[in-house]
Amino acid sequence: MTHAHEWIENPAARADSETWGCECGEFSDICHVCSEPSGSTLWICEKCLRREETLLDDVERLRNQWDERDRNREASPMAPKLVRAKSAGGESMDFEDAEGEWLAWHARWSDFMTPSAEGALVDLKRWLTWAVHNPRESGFEAYQTDMRRVRASLLRIVGLAPEKVAAQCVWCDGKVVRDRCDQRGRAYPDGLRDEVRCTGCGAQWPTEEALQTLVRQGLAGLPERAPEALVTIEQAKRVWPDVDRTTWHNWKRRDSLFKDRDREPLGVIAILVRRGGLPGRPGAPRHSREMAHSR
């Protein structure tokens, strides 16, 4: 039977270490992307690695869409011309600019890695783990910023950029948008979706009106008012700021909270808080062993 590790921050056995440890004696390095236990000796967890790989998949898919539209324009002179996209910094970016960004990163990483014949985007995807472990040589944080700007610009170039709405996110004050395409860059048949989402923390609402209602109500009493509302772990931490990181990890291990899903109902989390903290309000739960004895 596979042992389910219970990661504890800075265990007494290695108090000077930045790793997380389990009572079984195993240790986990910190993921240098999300700052959570990576579950291995790697500096990036599987979830963050998949996210970075998906980013490159998105860029390749959007590039292919651009190639197809470019061929259609050559075949039909009357087809609309694709406009240059404005990046987050305000400068104009066309496809050649975007392509130049990922080619420049490929050239930089090629000084340390061996390129393949499969193309720059495939190589970048293959070298991600190396890049995280060698941030000085790879410039990984700057790479992340550039490639997210490239993806946003490509969405605008092919006409699939999301539309910003007036309201801000109640969780992180981030920008809220309505999408024209799914996460894979496939356009919705009906154009803009009714659903709105935050580009920062990923929170979602069925309509802009539903978000406006939540803005007026605020976060106070939200678990009681909307126990069925689905939230991410970062959003849950804003509702219960006194719950420590070890407790969140224990809930994930023991109760499968956020283990296989990105979002959980507020009511489910509230039950765990009441079981281990102060009844009736957000609080700081006891250590998982104490909680286990009380069950």
Protein backbone atom coordinates (compact mmCIF):
# COMPACT_ATOMS: atom_id res chain seq x y z
CA MET A 1 0.00 0.00 0.00
CA THR A 2 1.35 3.39 -0.99
CA HIS A 3 2.05 5.70 1.94
CA ALA A 4 0.25 9.08 1.78
CA HIS A 5 2.79 11.64 2.99
CA GLU A 6 1.75 14.24 5.54
CA TRP A 7 4.08 17.14 4.81
CA ILE A 8 4.96 19.38 7.75
CA GLU A 9 6.84 22.65 7.30
CA ASN A 10 10.38 22.74 8.73
CA PRO A 11 10.20 19.53 10.81
CA ALA A 12 12.26 19.42 14.00
CA ALA A 13 14.55 16.78 12.50
CA ARG A 14 15.76 19.35 9.98
CA ALA A 15 14.87 22.69 11.54
CA ASP A 16 17.45 24.51 9.41
CA SER A 17 16.02 23.12 6.17
CA GLU A 18 13.62 24.81 3.75
CA THR A 19 12.16 21.44 2.83
CA TRP A 20 8.96 19.85 4.12
CA GLY A 21 9.10 16.52 5.95
CA CYS A 22 6.87 13.56 6.72
CA GLU A 23 6.94 11.53 9.92
CA CYS A 24 7.96 8.54 7.81
CA GLY A 25 11.33 10.20 7.26
CA GLU A 26 10.83 11.32 3.65
CA PHE A 27 11.37 14.94 2.61
CA SER A 28 9.95 17.11 -0.13
CA ASP A 29 11.54 20.15 -1.70
CA ILE A 30 9.59 23.37 -2.15
CA CYS A 31 7.98 24.06 -5.50
CA HIS A 32 9.66 27.28 -6.67
CA VAL A 33 6.54 28.26 -8.59
CA CYS A 34 3.75 27.93 -6.00
CA SER A 35 5.90 27.65 -2.82
CA GLU A 36 4.09 24.46 -1.74
CA PRO A 37 5.67 21.01 -1.24
CA SER A 38 6.61 19.58 -4.62
CA GLY A 39 6.15 16.00 -3.40
CA SER A 40 9.63 15.07 -4.59
CA THR A 41 13.20 16.38 -4.82
CA LEU A 42 12.20 18.50 -7.82
CA TRP A 43 11.76 22.28 -7.49
CA ILE A 44 8.43 22.20 -9.30
CA CYS A 45 5.29 20.23 -8.44
CA GLU A 46 3.33 18.24 -11.00
CA LYS A 47 0.46 20.74 -11.03
CA CYS A 48 2.71 23.73 -11.78
CA LEU A 49 4.66 21.75 -14.37
CA ARG A 50 1.41 20.85 -16.15
CA ARG A 51 0.39 24.51 -16.08
CA GLU A 52 3.65 25.60 -17.70
CA GLU A 53 3.37 22.83 -20.30
CA THR A 54 -0.22 23.85 -21.04
CA LEU A 55 0.92 27.44 -21.60
CA LEU A 56 3.27 26.27 -24.34
CA ASP A 57 0.55 24.02 -25.80
CA ASP A 58 -1.73 27.08 -25.95
CA VAL A 59 0.92 29.12 -27.74
CA GLU A 60 1.45 26.37 -30.31
CA ARG A 61 -2.30 25.99 -30.88
CA LEU A 62 -2.76 29.73 -31.37
CA ARG A 63 0.22 29.82 -33.71
CA ASN A 64 -1.44 27.12 -35.81
CA GLN A 65 -4.67 29.15 -35.87
CA TRP A 66 -2.73 32.16 -37.06
CA ASP A 67 -1.03 30.08 -39.77
CA GLU A 68 -4.43 28.84 -40.97
CA ARG A 69 -5.92 32.34 -41.05
CA ASP A 70 -2.85 33.65 -42.80
CA ARG A 71 -3.26 31.02 -45.52
CA ASN A 72 -6.94 31.94 -45.84
CA ARG A 73 -6.05 35.61 -46.29
CA GLU A 74 -3.63 34.74 -49.05
CA ALA A 75 -6.35 32.68 -50.75
CA SER A 76 -8.97 35.43 -50.30
CA PRO A 77 -7.73 39.03 -50.68
CA MET A 78 -11.07 40.30 -49.31
CA ALA A 79 -10.60 38.54 -45.95
CA PRO A 80 -10.21 40.89 -42.96
CA LYS A 81 -6.70 41.82 -41.97
CA LEU A 82 -5.53 40.70 -38.54
CA VAL A 83 -4.64 43.68 -36.35
CA ARG A 84 -1.60 44.12 -34.17
CA ALA A 85 -2.22 43.37 -30.50
CA LYS A 86 -1.43 45.64 -27.60
CA SER A 87 0.61 43.92 -24.90
CA ALA A 88 0.22 44.56 -21.18
CA GLY A 89 2.86 47.27 -21.40
CA GLY A 90 0.98 49.05 -24.17
CA GLU A 91 3.41 48.31 -26.99
CA SER A 92 2.13 46.88 -30.24
CA MET A 93 2.85 43.19 -30.91
CA ASP A 94 2.17 41.22 -34.08
CA PHE A 95 2.75 37.54 -34.75
CA GLU A 96 6.39 38.03 -35.73
CA ASP A 97 7.02 39.86 -32.43
CA ALA A 98 5.37 37.06 -30.47
CA GLU A 99 7.32 34.40 -32.32
CA GLY A 100 10.50 36.35 -31.70
CA GLU A 101 9.87 36.16 -27.95
CA TRP A 102 9.79 32.37 -27.71
CA LEU A 103 12.63 32.00 -30.23
CA ALA A 104 14.77 34.30 -28.08
CA TRP A 105 14.13 32.17 -24.99
CA HIS A 106 14.89 29.03 -27.00
CA ALA A 107 18.18 30.53 -28.11
CA ARG A 108 19.10 31.42 -24.51
CA TRP A 109 18.31 27.97 -23.14
CA SER A 110 20.07 26.33 -26.10
CA ASP A 111 23.36 27.63 -24.67
CA PHE A 112 22.91 25.03 -21.93
CA MET A 113 20.67 22.38 -23.52
CA THR A 114 20.73 20.45 -26.80
CA PRO A 115 18.04 21.55 -29.29
CA SER A 116 15.99 18.99 -31.18
CA ALA A 117 14.55 19.01 -34.67
CA GLU A 118 11.00 19.23 -33.30
CA GLY A 119 10.92 22.99 -32.92
CA ALA A 120 11.45 25.69 -30.31
CA LEU A 121 8.16 25.28 -28.44
CA VAL A 122 8.66 21.53 -28.05
CA ASP A 123 12.18 22.11 -26.74
CA LEU A 124 11.04 24.74 -24.26
CA LYS A 125 8.42 22.32 -22.95
CA ARG A 126 11.03 19.58 -22.57
CA TRP A 127 13.45 21.88 -20.75
CA LEU A 128 11.04 23.33 -18.17
CA THR A 129 12.33 21.26 -15.25
CA TRP A 130 15.89 22.27 -16.03
CA ALA A 131 14.82 25.92 -16.23
CA VAL A 132 13.22 25.84 -12.77
CA HIS A 133 16.32 24.23 -11.25
CA ASN A 134 18.64 26.74 -12.93
CA PRO A 135 16.88 30.11 -12.56
CA ARG A 136 20.04 32.18 -13.00
CA GLU A 137 20.91 30.61 -16.34
CA SER A 138 17.34 30.26 -17.57
CA GLY A 139 15.81 33.51 -16.27
CA PHE A 140 12.72 31.45 -15.50
CA GLU A 141 10.64 34.16 -13.82
CA ALA A 142 11.16 36.54 -16.75
CA TYR A 143 10.38 33.69 -19.13
CA GLN A 144 7.05 33.09 -17.37
CA THR A 145 6.10 36.76 -17.72
CA ASP A 146 7.09 36.90 -21.40
CA MET A 147 5.30 33.71 -22.42
CA ARG A 148 2.07 34.74 -20.70
CA ARG A 149 2.26 38.04 -22.57
CA VAL A 150 2.83 36.10 -25.79
CA ARG A 151 -0.25 33.96 -25.20
CA ALA A 152 -2.40 37.02 -24.42
CA SER A 153 -1.13 38.78 -27.54
CA LEU A 154 -1.80 35.78 -29.77
CA LEU A 155 -5.37 35.62 -28.45
CA ARG A 156 -5.86 39.25 -29.46
CA ILE A 157 -4.18 38.75 -32.82
CA VAL A 158 -6.55 35.93 -33.80
CA GLY A 159 -9.58 37.79 -32.41
CA LEU A 160 -10.19 35.60 -29.36
CA ALA A 161 -9.17 37.96 -26.57
CA PRO A 162 -11.58 38.06 -23.60
CA GLU A 163 -13.74 41.12 -22.96
CA LYS A 164 -13.15 43.00 -19.69
CA VAL A 165 -16.17 43.73 -17.48
CA ALA A 166 -16.60 46.63 -15.08
CA ALA A 167 -16.57 44.69 -11.79
CA GLN A 168 -13.37 43.61 -10.03
CA CYS A 169 -12.76 40.25 -8.39
CA VAL A 170 -13.99 40.06 -4.80
CA TRP A 171 -11.16 37.68 -3.93
CA CYS A 172 -8.03 39.31 -5.30
CA ASP A 173 -9.21 42.63 -6.87
CA GLY A 174 -8.10 41.24 -10.22
CA LYS A 175 -9.49 41.87 -13.71
CA VAL A 176 -12.72 40.05 -14.57
CA VAL A 177 -13.52 39.05 -18.18
CA ARG A 178 -15.96 37.22 -20.43
CA ASP A 179 -14.34 34.66 -22.72
CA ARG A 180 -14.62 34.20 -26.48
CA CYS A 181 -12.87 30.82 -26.44
CA ASP A 182 -12.21 27.89 -24.11
CA GLN A 183 -8.94 27.17 -22.36
CA ARG A 184 -7.66 25.37 -25.45
CA GLY A 185 -8.20 28.43 -27.67
CA ARG A 186 -11.30 27.05 -29.43
CA ALA A 187 -13.82 29.77 -30.23
CA TYR A 188 -17.29 29.47 -28.69
CA PRO A 189 -20.02 29.15 -31.37
CA ASP A 190 -22.15 31.87 -29.72
CA GLY A 191 -19.30 34.32 -29.21
CA LEU A 192 -18.99 35.81 -25.73
CA ARG A 193 -19.97 33.60 -22.82
CA ASP A 194 -22.34 34.73 -20.06
CA GLU A 195 -19.97 33.39 -17.43
CA VAL A 196 -17.29 35.73 -16.10
CA ARG A 197 -13.96 34.86 -14.53
CA CYS A 198 -11.04 36.54 -12.80
CA THR A 199 -7.78 36.49 -14.75
CA GLY A 200 -5.81 36.65 -11.50
CA CYS A 201 -7.09 33.93 -9.16
CA GLY A 202 -9.40 32.10 -11.57
CA ALA A 203 -12.66 32.70 -9.67
CA GLN A 204 -15.82 32.20 -11.78
CA TRP A 205 -19.41 33.45 -11.65
CA PRO A 206 -22.41 32.47 -13.80
CA THR A 207 -23.05 36.09 -14.87
CA GLU A 208 -21.67 39.56 -14.33
CA GLU A 209 -24.85 40.36 -12.36
CA ALA A 210 -24.07 37.49 -9.94
CA LEU A 211 -20.61 38.96 -9.35
CA GLN A 212 -22.05 42.42 -8.76
CA THR A 213 -24.39 40.97 -6.13
CA LEU A 214 -21.47 39.30 -4.36
CA VAL A 215 -19.50 42.56 -4.46
CA ARG A 216 -22.35 44.32 -2.67
CA GLN A 217 -22.64 41.58 -0.04
CA GLY A 218 -18.94 41.17 0.64
CA LEU A 219 -17.21 38.07 2.04
CA ALA A 220 -18.72 38.19 5.54
CA GLY A 221 -20.99 35.24 6.14
CA LEU A 222 -20.41 33.88 2.64
CA PRO A 223 -20.12 30.21 3.75
CA GLU A 224 -23.57 30.43 5.35
CA ARG A 225 -25.17 32.37 2.49
CA ALA A 226 -23.70 30.33 -0.36
CA PRO A 227 -22.36 26.99 0.95
CA GLU A 228 -22.59 25.54 -2.57
CA ALA A 229 -20.27 28.20 -4.03
CA LEU A 230 -17.11 26.65 -5.50
CA VAL A 231 -13.85 28.31 -4.47
CA THR A 232 -10.15 27.68 -5.00
CA ILE A 233 -7.83 27.08 -2.09
CA GLU A 234 -6.47 30.63 -2.36
CA GLN A 235 -10.00 32.02 -2.14
CA ALA A 236 -10.77 29.79 0.83
CA LYS A 237 -7.69 31.15 2.58
CA ARG A 238 -9.17 34.65 2.30
CA VAL A 239 -12.35 33.47 4.02
CA TRP A 240 -10.38 31.64 6.75
CA PRO A 241 -7.06 33.53 6.99
CA ASP A 242 -6.16 31.98 10.38
CA VAL A 243 -5.96 28.41 9.07
CA ASP A 244 -2.26 27.57 8.80
CA ARG A 245 -0.59 25.99 5.80
CA THR A 246 0.03 22.65 7.50
CA THR A 247 -3.68 22.28 8.24
CA TRP A 248 -4.61 22.92 4.59
CA HIS A 249 -2.15 20.20 3.56
CA ASN A 250 -3.55 17.80 6.15
CA TRP A 251 -7.08 18.38 4.89
CA LYS A 252 -5.89 17.72 1.37
CA ARG A 253 -4.24 14.45 2.43
CA ARG A 254 -6.85 13.15 4.87
CA ASP A 255 -10.10 14.57 3.51
CA SER A 256 -9.05 14.84 -0.18
CA LEU A 257 -9.78 18.58 -0.03
CA PHE A 258 -8.52 20.18 -3.30
CA LYS A 259 -6.72 16.91 -4.03
CA ASP A 260 -8.34 16.08 -7.37
CA ARG A 261 -10.30 19.30 -7.91
CA ASP A 262 -9.30 22.92 -8.25
CA ARG A 263 -12.47 24.11 -6.46
CA GLU A 264 -14.45 22.92 -3.45
CA PRO A 265 -17.84 23.99 -2.01
CA LEU A 266 -17.57 26.56 0.77
CA GLY A 267 -19.93 24.47 2.90
CA VAL A 268 -17.58 21.48 2.84
CA ILE A 269 -14.65 23.61 3.98
CA ALA A 270 -16.79 25.24 6.67
CA ILE A 271 -17.52 21.79 8.17
CA LEU A 272 -13.78 21.09 8.47
CA VAL A 273 -13.17 24.49 10.05
CA ARG A 274 -15.94 23.98 12.60
CA ARG A 275 -14.65 20.49 13.39
CA GLY A 276 -11.11 21.66 14.09
CA GLY A 277 -11.42 25.35 14.98
CA LEU A 278 -13.84 27.61 16.78
CA PRO A 279 -17.48 26.66 16.11
CA GLY A 280 -19.56 29.10 14.15
CA ARG A 281 -16.79 31.26 12.74
CA PRO A 282 -13.47 30.99 10.87
CA GLY A 283 -10.64 29.95 13.14
CA ALA A 284 -7.29 28.21 13.43
CA PRO A 285 -7.80 24.43 13.49
CA ARG A 286 -5.73 22.23 15.74
CA HIS A 287 -3.07 19.95 14.31
CA SER A 288 -4.43 17.05 12.30
CA ARG A 289 -3.52 14.51 15.00
CA GLU A 290 -5.65 16.35 17.57
CA MET A 291 -8.47 16.59 15.04
CA ALA A 292 -8.21 12.88 14.31
CA HIS A 293 -8.55 11.98 18.02
CA SER A 294 -11.66 14.14 18.31
CA ARG A 295 -13.45 12.43 15.41
